[in-house]
PDB file of N, CA and C in Angstrom:
ATOM      1  N   UNK A   1      12.602  20.180  43.092  1.00  0.00           N
ATOM      2  CA  UNK A   1      11.529  19.385  42.595  1.00  0.00           C
ATOM      3  C   UNK A   1      12.207  18.037  42.312  1.00  0.00           C
ATOM      4  N   UNK A   2      11.641  17.089  42.755  1.00  0.00           N
ATOM      5  CA  UNK A   2      12.099  15.577  42.459  1.00  0.00           C
ATOM      6  C   UNK A   2      11.616  15.264  40.991  1.00  0.00           C
ATOM      7  N   UNK A   3      12.420  14.528  40.329  1.00  0.00           N
ATOM      8  CA  UNK A   3      12.000  14.044  39.059  1.00  0.00           C
ATOM      9  C   UNK A   3      11.114  12.862  39.310  1.00  0.00           C
ATOM     10  N   UNK A   4      10.267  12.815  38.311  1.00  0.00           N
ATOM     11  CA  UNK A   4       9.204  11.609  38.360  1.00  0.00           C
ATOM     12  C   UNK A   4       9.203  11.108  36.900  1.00  0.00           C
ATOM     13  N   UNK A   5       8.937   9.850  36.817  1.00  0.00           N
ATOM     14  CA  UNK A   5       8.626   9.302  35.601  1.00  0.00           C
ATOM     15  C   UNK A   5       7.270   9.753  35.089  1.00  0.00           C
ATOM     16  N   UNK A   6       7.316  10.245  33.864  1.00  0.00           N
ATOM     17  CA  UNK A   6       6.072  10.744  33.343  1.00  0.00           C
ATOM     18  C   UNK A   6       5.735   9.859  32.023  1.00  0.00           C
ATOM     19  N   UNK A   7       4.624   9.473  31.816  1.00  0.00           N
ATOM     20  CA  UNK A   7       4.289   8.649  30.813  1.00  0.00           C
ATOM     21  C   UNK A   7       3.120   9.226  30.028  1.00  0.00           C
ATOM     22  N   UNK A   8       3.044   8.997  28.642  1.00  0.00           N
ATOM     23  CA  UNK A   8       2.128   9.498  27.839  1.00  0.00           C
ATOM     24  C   UNK A   8       1.498   8.326  27.052  1.00  0.00           C
ATOM     25  N   UNK A   9       0.257   8.208  27.178  1.00  0.00           N
ATOM     26  CA  UNK A   9      -0.402   7.092  26.545  1.00  0.00           C
ATOM     27  C   UNK A   9      -0.835   7.748  25.117  1.00  0.00           C
ATOM     28  N   UNK A  10      -0.287   7.076  24.094  1.00  0.00           N
ATOM     29  CA  UNK A  10      -0.528   7.596  22.797  1.00  0.00           C
ATOM     30  C   UNK A  10      -0.972   6.473  21.810  1.00  0.00           C
ATOM     31  N   UNK A  11      -1.920   6.766  20.938  1.00  0.00           N
ATOM     32  CA  UNK A  11      -2.499   5.902  20.014  1.00  0.00           C
ATOM     33  C   UNK A  11      -2.549   6.478  18.702  1.00  0.00           C
ATOM     34  N   UNK A  12      -1.833   5.763  17.744  1.00  0.00           N
ATOM     35  CA  UNK A  12      -1.829   6.341  16.455  1.00  0.00           C
ATOM     36  C   UNK A  12      -2.581   5.340  15.392  1.00  0.00           C
ATOM     37  N   UNK A  13      -3.455   5.990  14.543  1.00  0.00           N
ATOM     38  CA  UNK A  13      -4.187   5.165  13.479  1.00  0.00           C
ATOM     39  C   UNK A  13      -3.666   5.588  12.204  1.00  0.00           C
ATOM     40  N   UNK A  14      -3.269   4.752  11.314  1.00  0.00           N
ATOM     41  CA  UNK A  14      -2.885   5.006  10.071  1.00  0.00           C
ATOM     42  C   UNK A  14      -3.972   4.452   9.039  1.00  0.00           C
ATOM     43  N   UNK A  15      -4.356   5.265   8.212  1.00  0.00           N
ATOM     44  CA  UNK A  15      -5.294   4.830   7.110  1.00  0.00           C
ATOM     45  C   UNK A  15      -4.512   4.922   5.749  1.00  0.00           C
ATOM     46  N   UNK A  16      -4.046   3.726   5.229  1.00  0.00           N
ATOM     47  CA  UNK A  16      -3.342   3.781   4.060  1.00  0.00           C
ATOM     48  C   UNK A  16      -4.028   4.095   2.694  1.00  0.00           C
ATOM     49  N   UNK A  17      -5.392   3.929   2.866  1.00  0.00           N
ATOM     50  CA  UNK A  17      -6.236   3.995   1.751  1.00  0.00           C
ATOM     51  C   UNK A  17      -6.422   2.852   0.967  1.00  0.00           C
ATOM     52  N   UNK A  18      -6.993   2.924  -0.186  1.00  0.00           N
ATOM     53  CA  UNK A  18      -7.237   1.813  -1.130  1.00  0.00           C
ATOM     54  C   UNK A  18      -5.953   1.506  -1.932  1.00  0.00           C
ATOM     55  N   UNK A  19      -5.718   0.131  -1.981  1.00  0.00           N
ATOM     56  CA  UNK A  19      -4.565  -0.312  -2.854  1.00  0.00           C
ATOM     57  C   UNK A  19      -4.881  -0.276  -4.279  1.00  0.00           C
ATOM     58  N   UNK A  20      -3.922   0.157  -5.187  1.00  0.00           N
ATOM     59  CA  UNK A  20      -4.065   0.197  -6.506  1.00  0.00           C
ATOM     60  C   UNK A  20      -3.195  -0.981  -7.044  1.00  0.00           C
ATOM     61  N   UNK A  21      -3.613  -1.540  -8.157  1.00  0.00           N
ATOM     62  CA  UNK A  21      -2.836  -2.633  -8.845  1.00  0.00           C
ATOM     63  C   UNK A  21      -2.633  -2.347 -10.361  1.00  0.00           C
ATOM     64  N   UNK A  22      -1.571  -2.855 -10.826  1.00  0.00           N
ATOM     65  CA  UNK A  22      -1.189  -2.842 -12.196  1.00  0.00           C
ATOM     66  C   UNK A  22      -2.193  -3.514 -13.092  1.00  0.00           C
ATOM     67  N   UNK A  23      -2.790  -2.729 -14.067  1.00  0.00           N
ATOM     68  CA  UNK A  23      -3.744  -3.336 -14.873  1.00  0.00           C
ATOM     69  C   UNK A  23      -3.013  -3.728 -16.253  1.00  0.00           C
ATOM     70  N   UNK A  24      -2.138  -2.826 -16.766  1.00  0.00           N
ATOM     71  CA  UNK A  24      -1.471  -3.166 -17.968  1.00  0.00           C
ATOM     72  C   UNK A  24      -0.216  -2.459 -18.086  1.00  0.00           C
ATOM     73  N   UNK A  25       0.701  -2.869 -18.861  1.00  0.00           N
ATOM     74  CA  UNK A  25       1.977  -2.232 -19.158  1.00  0.00           C
ATOM     75  C   UNK A  25       2.220  -2.205 -20.652  1.00  0.00           C
ATOM     76  N   UNK A  26       2.668  -1.062 -21.091  1.00  0.00           N
ATOM     77  CA  UNK A  26       2.942  -0.848 -22.502  1.00  0.00           C
ATOM     78  C   UNK A  26       4.301  -0.313 -22.759  1.00  0.00           C
ATOM     79  N   UNK A  27       4.901  -0.719 -23.853  1.00  0.00           N
ATOM     80  CA  UNK A  27       6.178  -0.036 -24.205  1.00  0.00           C
ATOM     81  C   UNK A  27       6.174   0.598 -25.454  1.00  0.00           C
ATOM     82  N   UNK A  28       6.226   1.862 -25.644  1.00  0.00           N
ATOM     83  CA  UNK A  28       6.178   2.580 -26.784  1.00  0.00           C
ATOM     84  C   UNK A  28       7.512   3.087 -27.332  1.00  0.00           C
ATOM     85  N   UNK A  29       7.863   2.794 -28.555  1.00  0.00           N
ATOM     86  CA  UNK A  29       9.225   3.126 -29.018  1.00  0.00           C
ATOM     87  C   UNK A  29      10.254   1.922 -28.964  1.00  0.00           C
ATOM     88  N   UNK A  30       9.863   0.829 -28.474  1.00  0.00           N
ATOM     89  CA  UNK A  30      10.824  -0.154 -28.228  1.00  0.00           C
ATOM     90  C   UNK A  30      10.544  -1.270 -29.405  1.00  0.00           C
ATOM     91  N   UNK A  31      10.631  -0.869 -30.539  1.00  0.00           N
ATOM     92  CA  UNK A  31      10.118  -1.784 -31.679  1.00  0.00           C
ATOM     93  C   UNK A  31      10.955  -3.069 -31.807  1.00  0.00           C
ATOM     94  N   UNK A  32      12.176  -3.032 -31.447  1.00  0.00           N
ATOM     95  CA  UNK A  32      12.991  -4.321 -31.697  1.00  0.00           C
ATOM     96  C   UNK A  32      13.243  -4.926 -30.375  1.00  0.00           C
ATOM     97  N   UNK A  33      13.070  -4.359 -29.162  1.00  0.00           N
ATOM     98  CA  UNK A  33      13.108  -4.800 -27.869  1.00  0.00           C
ATOM     99  C   UNK A  33      11.982  -5.576 -27.405  1.00  0.00           C
ATOM    100  N   UNK A  34      12.043  -6.757 -27.124  1.00  0.00           N
ATOM    101  CA  UNK A  34      11.056  -7.640 -26.699  1.00  0.00           C
ATOM    102  C   UNK A  34      10.378  -6.969 -25.385  1.00  0.00           C
ATOM    103  N   UNK A  35       9.060  -6.955 -25.271  1.00  0.00           N
ATOM    104  CA  UNK A  35       8.259  -6.311 -24.111  1.00  0.00           C
ATOM    105  C   UNK A  35       8.712  -7.179 -22.814  1.00  0.00           C
ATOM    106  N   UNK A  36       8.967  -8.436 -22.944  1.00  0.00           N
ATOM    107  CA  UNK A  36       9.337  -9.132 -21.613  1.00  0.00           C
ATOM    108  C   UNK A  36      10.777  -8.787 -21.253  1.00  0.00           C
ATOM    109  N   UNK A  37      11.594  -8.351 -22.077  1.00  0.00           N
ATOM    110  CA  UNK A  37      13.025  -7.929 -21.716  1.00  0.00           C
ATOM    111  C   UNK A  37      12.833  -6.632 -20.908  1.00  0.00           C
ATOM    112  N   UNK A  38      11.980  -5.698 -21.427  1.00  0.00           N
ATOM    113  CA  UNK A  38      11.688  -4.459 -20.660  1.00  0.00           C
ATOM    114  C   UNK A  38      11.146  -4.809 -19.438  1.00  0.00           C
ATOM    115  N   UNK A  39      10.103  -5.566 -19.214  1.00  0.00           N
ATOM    116  CA  UNK A  39       9.470  -5.791 -17.967  1.00  0.00           C
ATOM    117  C   UNK A  39      10.433  -6.461 -16.939  1.00  0.00           C
ATOM    118  N   UNK A  40      11.464  -7.293 -17.406  1.00  0.00           N
ATOM    119  CA  UNK A  40      12.446  -7.768 -16.553  1.00  0.00           C
ATOM    120  C   UNK A  40      13.386  -6.701 -16.102  1.00  0.00           C
ATOM    121  N   UNK A  41      13.766  -5.893 -16.992  1.00  0.00           N
ATOM    122  CA  UNK A  41      14.527  -4.680 -16.692  1.00  0.00           C
ATOM    123  C   UNK A  41      14.030  -3.773 -15.425  1.00  0.00           C
ATOM    124  N   UNK A  42      12.754  -3.722 -15.530  1.00  0.00           N
ATOM    125  CA  UNK A  42      12.092  -2.805 -14.587  1.00  0.00           C
ATOM    126  C   UNK A  42      11.652  -3.600 -13.239  1.00  0.00           C
ATOM    127  N   UNK A  43      12.014  -4.833 -13.228  1.00  0.00           N
ATOM    128  CA  UNK A  43      11.693  -5.465 -11.992  1.00  0.00           C
ATOM    129  C   UNK A  43      10.653  -6.580 -12.096  1.00  0.00           C
ATOM    130  N   UNK A  44      10.599  -7.220 -13.281  1.00  0.00           N
ATOM    131  CA  UNK A  44       9.577  -8.153 -13.424  1.00  0.00           C
ATOM    132  C   UNK A  44       8.141  -7.774 -13.308  1.00  0.00           C
ATOM    133  N   UNK A  45       7.778  -6.521 -13.784  1.00  0.00           N
ATOM    134  CA  UNK A  45       6.458  -5.887 -13.530  1.00  0.00           C
ATOM    135  C   UNK A  45       5.399  -6.648 -14.345  1.00  0.00           C
ATOM    136  N   UNK A  46       4.293  -6.903 -13.695  1.00  0.00           N
ATOM    137  CA  UNK A  46       3.210  -7.701 -14.312  1.00  0.00           C
ATOM    138  C   UNK A  46       1.849  -7.306 -13.844  1.00  0.00           C
ATOM    139  N   UNK A  47       0.953  -7.480 -14.695  1.00  0.00           N
ATOM    140  CA  UNK A  47      -0.590  -7.058 -14.253  1.00  0.00           C
ATOM    141  C   UNK A  47      -0.966  -7.748 -12.963  1.00  0.00           C
ATOM    142  N   UNK A  48      -1.641  -7.221 -12.258  1.00  0.00           N
ATOM    143  CA  UNK A  48      -2.237  -7.576 -10.982  1.00  0.00           C
ATOM    144  C   UNK A  48      -1.302  -7.381  -9.864  1.00  0.00           C
ATOM    145  N   UNK A  49      -0.076  -6.962 -10.022  1.00  0.00           N
ATOM    146  CA  UNK A  49       0.775  -6.697  -8.869  1.00  0.00           C
ATOM    147  C   UNK A  49       0.388  -5.340  -8.268  1.00  0.00           C
ATOM    148  N   UNK A  50       0.626  -5.172  -7.065  1.00  0.00           N
ATOM    149  CA  UNK A  50       0.451  -3.903  -6.389  1.00  0.00           C
ATOM    150  C   UNK A  50       1.147  -2.819  -6.971  1.00  0.00           C
ATOM    151  N   UNK A  51       0.668  -1.681  -7.025  1.00  0.00           N
ATOM    152  CA  UNK A  51       1.444  -0.541  -7.707  1.00  0.00           C
ATOM    153  C   UNK A  51       2.083   0.318  -6.529  1.00  0.00           C
ATOM    154  N   UNK A  52       3.165   0.499  -6.815  1.00  0.00           N
ATOM    155  CA  UNK A  52       4.077   1.385  -5.747  1.00  0.00           C
ATOM    156  C   UNK A  52       4.733   2.507  -6.468  1.00  0.00           C
ATOM    157  N   UNK A  53       4.264   3.675  -6.253  1.00  0.00           N
ATOM    158  CA  UNK A  53       4.831   4.888  -7.008  1.00  0.00           C
ATOM    159  C   UNK A  53       6.306   4.931  -6.651  1.00  0.00           C
ATOM    160  N   UNK A  54       6.769   4.544  -5.492  1.00  0.00           N
ATOM    161  CA  UNK A  54       8.149   4.736  -5.107  1.00  0.00           C
ATOM    162  C   UNK A  54       9.187   3.863  -6.149  1.00  0.00           C
ATOM    163  N   UNK A  55       8.555   2.975  -6.769  1.00  0.00           N
ATOM    164  CA  UNK A  55       9.414   2.149  -7.773  1.00  0.00           C
ATOM    165  C   UNK A  55       9.773   2.821  -9.152  1.00  0.00           C
ATOM    166  N   UNK A  56       9.185   3.902  -9.429  1.00  0.00           N
ATOM    167  CA  UNK A  56       9.381   4.538 -10.754  1.00  0.00           C
ATOM    168  C   UNK A  56      10.760   4.831 -10.919  1.00  0.00           C
ATOM    169  N   UNK A  57      11.522   5.297  -9.979  1.00  0.00           N
ATOM    170  CA  UNK A  57      12.979   5.612 -10.128  1.00  0.00           C
ATOM    171  C   UNK A  57      13.719   4.306 -10.358  1.00  0.00           C
ATOM    172  N   UNK A  58      13.338   3.197  -9.706  1.00  0.00           N
ATOM    173  CA  UNK A  58      13.978   1.950  -9.915  1.00  0.00           C
ATOM    174  C   UNK A  58      13.736   1.473 -11.395  1.00  0.00           C
ATOM    175  N   UNK A  59      12.523   1.781 -11.877  1.00  0.00           N
ATOM    176  CA  UNK A  59      12.264   1.449 -13.373  1.00  0.00           C
ATOM    177  C   UNK A  59      13.151   2.148 -14.274  1.00  0.00           C
ATOM    178  N   UNK A  60      13.244   3.577 -14.014  1.00  0.00           N
ATOM    179  CA  UNK A  60      14.184   4.275 -14.800  1.00  0.00           C
ATOM    180  C   UNK A  60      15.611   3.666 -14.777  1.00  0.00           C
ATOM    181  N   UNK A  61      16.188   3.469 -13.731  1.00  0.00           N
ATOM    182  CA  UNK A  61      17.460   2.845 -13.615  1.00  0.00           C
ATOM    183  C   UNK A  61      17.621   1.527 -14.362  1.00  0.00           C
ATOM    184  N   UNK A  62      16.569   0.643 -14.314  1.00  0.00           N
ATOM    185  CA  UNK A  62      16.552  -0.595 -15.043  1.00  0.00           C
ATOM    186  C   UNK A  62      16.570  -0.512 -16.562  1.00  0.00           C
ATOM    187  N   UNK A  63      15.700   0.582 -17.019  1.00  0.00           N
ATOM    188  CA  UNK A  63      15.629   0.755 -18.404  1.00  0.00           C
ATOM    189  C   UNK A  63      16.917   1.295 -18.903  1.00  0.00           C
ATOM    190  N   UNK A  64      17.670   2.250 -18.179  1.00  0.00           N
ATOM    191  CA  UNK A  64      18.859   2.818 -18.624  1.00  0.00           C
ATOM    192  C   UNK A  64      19.993   1.716 -18.552  1.00  0.00           C
ATOM    193  N   UNK A  65      19.973   0.783 -17.596  1.00  0.00           N
ATOM    194  CA  UNK A  65      20.922  -0.244 -17.440  1.00  0.00           C
ATOM    195  C   UNK A  65      20.883  -1.123 -18.690  1.00  0.00           C
ATOM    196  N   UNK A  66      19.732  -1.338 -19.283  1.00  0.00           N
ATOM    197  CA  UNK A  66      19.525  -2.181 -20.472  1.00  0.00           C
ATOM    198  C   UNK A  66      20.607  -1.691 -21.641  1.00  0.00           C
ATOM    199  N   UNK A  67      20.700  -0.459 -21.730  1.00  0.00           N
ATOM    200  CA  UNK A  67      21.606   0.189 -22.792  1.00  0.00           C
ATOM    201  C   UNK A  67      21.076   0.205 -24.134  1.00  0.00           C
ATOM    202  N   UNK A  68      19.771  -0.202 -24.276  1.00  0.00           N
ATOM    203  CA  UNK A  68      19.157  -0.294 -25.568  1.00  0.00           C
ATOM    204  C   UNK A  68      18.407   0.980 -26.027  1.00  0.00           C
ATOM    205  N   UNK A  69      18.243   1.879 -25.026  1.00  0.00           N
ATOM    206  CA  UNK A  69      17.372   3.176 -25.260  1.00  0.00           C
ATOM    207  C   UNK A  69      18.262   4.335 -24.967  1.00  0.00           C
ATOM    208  N   UNK A  70      17.834   5.424 -25.773  1.00  0.00           N
ATOM    209  CA  UNK A  70      18.398   6.826 -25.387  1.00  0.00           C
ATOM    210  C   UNK A  70      17.984   6.889 -23.975  1.00  0.00           C
ATOM    211  N   UNK A  71      18.677   7.878 -23.249  1.00  0.00           N
ATOM    212  CA  UNK A  71      18.473   8.020 -21.876  1.00  0.00           C
ATOM    213  C   UNK A  71      17.017   8.224 -21.529  1.00  0.00           C
ATOM    214  N   UNK A  72      16.376   7.382 -20.513  1.00  0.00           N
ATOM    215  CA  UNK A  72      15.168   7.417 -20.061  1.00  0.00           C
ATOM    216  C   UNK A  72      15.156   8.166 -18.808  1.00  0.00           C
ATOM    217  N   UNK A  73      14.020   8.998 -18.721  1.00  0.00           N
ATOM    218  CA  UNK A  73      13.904   9.850 -17.550  1.00  0.00           C
ATOM    219  C   UNK A  73      12.504   9.475 -16.951  1.00  0.00           C
ATOM    220  N   UNK A  74      12.292   9.912 -15.668  1.00  0.00           N
ATOM    221  CA  UNK A  74      11.105   9.636 -14.951  1.00  0.00           C
ATOM    222  C   UNK A  74       9.848  10.044 -15.800  1.00  0.00           C
ATOM    223  N   UNK A  75      10.076  11.240 -16.471  1.00  0.00           N
ATOM    224  CA  UNK A  75       8.945  11.803 -17.144  1.00  0.00           C
ATOM    225  C   UNK A  75       8.621  10.890 -18.468  1.00  0.00           C
ATOM    226  N   UNK A  76       9.446   9.941 -18.755  1.00  0.00           N
ATOM    227  CA  UNK A  76       9.147   8.958 -19.829  1.00  0.00           C
ATOM    228  C   UNK A  76       8.204   7.913 -19.565  1.00  0.00           C
ATOM    229  N   UNK A  77       7.884   7.810 -18.265  1.00  0.00           N
ATOM    230  CA  UNK A  77       6.967   6.807 -17.740  1.00  0.00           C
ATOM    231  C   UNK A  77       5.759   7.427 -17.442  1.00  0.00           C
ATOM    232  N   UNK A  78       4.685   7.152 -18.152  1.00  0.00           N
ATOM    233  CA  UNK A  78       3.331   7.678 -18.005  1.00  0.00           C
ATOM    234  C   UNK A  78       2.491   6.725 -17.135  1.00  0.00           C
ATOM    235  N   UNK A  79       2.042   7.206 -16.025  1.00  0.00           N
ATOM    236  CA  UNK A  79       1.122   6.579 -15.134  1.00  0.00           C
ATOM    237  C   UNK A  79      -0.234   6.931 -15.192  1.00  0.00           C
ATOM    238  N   UNK A  80      -1.205   6.109 -15.713  1.00  0.00           N
ATOM    239  CA  UNK A  80      -2.652   6.459 -15.816  1.00  0.00           C
ATOM    240  C   UNK A  80      -3.321   5.775 -14.652  1.00  0.00           C
ATOM    241  N   UNK A  81      -4.043   6.637 -13.767  1.00  0.00           N
ATOM    242  CA  UNK A  81      -4.649   6.001 -12.525  1.00  0.00           C
ATOM    243  C   UNK A  81      -6.095   5.916 -12.867  1.00  0.00           C
ATOM    244  N   UNK A  82      -6.661   4.815 -12.642  1.00  0.00           N
ATOM    245  CA  UNK A  82      -8.173   4.652 -12.599  1.00  0.00           C
ATOM    246  C   UNK A  82      -8.692   4.571 -11.190  1.00  0.00           C
ATOM    247  N   UNK A  83      -9.000   5.699 -10.690  1.00  0.00           N
ATOM    248  CA  UNK A  83      -9.489   5.836  -9.181  1.00  0.00           C
ATOM    249  C   UNK A  83     -10.669   5.093  -8.979  1.00  0.00           C
ATOM    250  N   UNK A  84     -11.591   4.944 -10.011  1.00  0.00           N
ATOM    251  CA  UNK A  84     -12.746   4.198  -9.724  1.00  0.00           C
ATOM    252  C   UNK A  84     -12.692   2.642  -9.580  1.00  0.00           C
ATOM    253  N   UNK A  85     -11.623   2.226 -10.501  1.00  0.00           N
ATOM    254  CA  UNK A  85     -11.453   0.749 -10.509  1.00  0.00           C
ATOM    255  C   UNK A  85     -10.332   0.220  -9.636  1.00  0.00           C
ATOM    256  N   UNK A  86      -9.465   1.273  -9.204  1.00  0.00           N
ATOM    257  CA  UNK A  86      -8.290   1.103  -8.402  1.00  0.00           C
ATOM    258  C   UNK A  86      -7.142   0.285  -9.272  1.00  0.00           C
ATOM    259  N   UNK A  87      -7.112   0.753 -10.548  1.00  0.00           N
ATOM    260  CA  UNK A  87      -5.980   0.107 -11.363  1.00  0.00           C
ATOM    261  C   UNK A  87      -5.150   1.379 -11.774  1.00  0.00           C
ATOM    262  N   UNK A  88      -3.911   0.746 -12.267  1.00  0.00           N
ATOM    263  CA  UNK A  88      -2.956   1.765 -12.831  1.00  0.00           C
ATOM    264  C   UNK A  88      -2.437   1.161 -14.132  1.00  0.00           C
ATOM    265  N   UNK A  89      -2.245   2.027 -15.091  1.00  0.00           N
ATOM    266  CA  UNK A  89      -1.706   1.589 -16.401  1.00  0.00           C
ATOM    267  C   UNK A  89      -0.325   2.289 -16.417  1.00  0.00           C
ATOM    268  N   UNK A  90       0.750   1.423 -16.686  1.00  0.00           N
ATOM    269  CA  UNK A  90       2.098   1.953 -16.778  1.00  0.00           C
ATOM    270  C   UNK A  90       2.583   2.051 -18.261  1.00  0.00           C
ATOM    271  N   UNK A  91       2.796   3.184 -18.853  1.00  0.00           N
ATOM    272  CA  UNK A  91       3.165   3.244 -20.190  1.00  0.00           C
ATOM    273  C   UNK A  91       4.689   3.781 -20.177  1.00  0.00           C
ATOM    274  N   UNK A  92       5.557   2.938 -20.821  1.00  0.00           N
ATOM    275  CA  UNK A  92       6.934   3.336 -20.987  1.00  0.00           C
ATOM    276  C   UNK A  92       7.150   3.984 -22.367  1.00  0.00           C
ATOM    277  N   UNK A  93       7.444   5.288 -22.428  1.00  0.00           N
ATOM    278  CA  UNK A  93       7.777   5.904 -23.595  1.00  0.00           C
ATOM    279  C   UNK A  93       9.404   5.944 -23.911  1.00  0.00           C
ATOM    280  N   UNK A  94       9.889   5.127 -24.733  1.00  0.00           N
ATOM    281  CA  UNK A  94      11.381   4.990 -24.994  1.00  0.00           C
ATOM    282  C   UNK A  94      11.678   5.283 -26.366  1.00  0.00           C
ATOM    283  N   UNK A  95      12.964   5.540 -26.651  1.00  0.00           N
ATOM    284  CA  UNK A  95      13.526   5.722 -27.912  1.00  0.00           C
ATOM    285  C   UNK A  95      14.611   4.819 -27.986  1.00  0.00           C
ATOM    286  N   UNK A  96      14.590   3.707 -28.886  1.00  0.00           N
ATOM    287  CA  UNK A  96      15.744   2.833 -29.065  1.00  0.00           C
ATOM    288  C   UNK A  96      16.874   3.457 -29.820  1.00  0.00           C
ATOM    289  N   UNK A  97      18.029   2.982 -29.380  1.00  0.00           N
ATOM    290  CA  UNK A  97      19.263   3.613 -29.961  1.00  0.00           C
ATOM    291  C   UNK A  97      19.331   3.150 -31.514  1.00  0.00           C
ATOM    292  N   UNK A  98      19.854   3.844 -32.332  1.00  0.00           N
ATOM    293  CA  UNK A  98      19.989   3.354 -33.759  1.00  0.00           C
ATOM    294  C   UNK A  98      20.930   2.155 -33.948  1.00  0.00           C
ATOM    295  N   UNK A  99      20.590   1.270 -34.799  1.00  0.00           N
ATOM    296  CA  UNK A  99      21.299   0.131 -35.150  1.00  0.00           C
ATOM    297  C   UNK A  99      21.140  -1.121 -34.437  1.00  0.00           C
ATOM    298  N   UNK A 100      20.050  -1.132 -33.531  1.00  0.00           N
ATOM    299  CA  UNK A 100      19.726  -2.285 -32.762  1.00  0.00           C
ATOM    300  C   UNK A 100      19.042  -3.425 -33.561  1.00  0.00           C
ATOM    301  N   UNK A 101      19.376  -4.597 -33.251  1.00  0.00           N
ATOM    302  CA  UNK A 101      18.649  -5.712 -33.935  1.00  0.00           C
ATOM    303  C   UNK A 101      17.892  -6.528 -32.882  1.00  0.00           C
TER     304      UNK A 101
END
């Protein structure tokens, strides 16, 4: 049997769904660490930016790199999703190391 070129005509449609945006960010437990310092450490996170759940691990790394908090874990970042309004609130629960000024 002779080989013939065989072609398949394939069409793929992706539906990414509705985009969610950051509504607010809060830092709990960072009493002496400025909110802006924390936001810079997590990648300059600001309201109205698109929310990307894949960045949570980056946020953890940034917070731990600051060296001002007890070890931060992924579970210390609370994500509240408002499905109706398509917004996300990002709440960082941290514990500052003793003796910080």
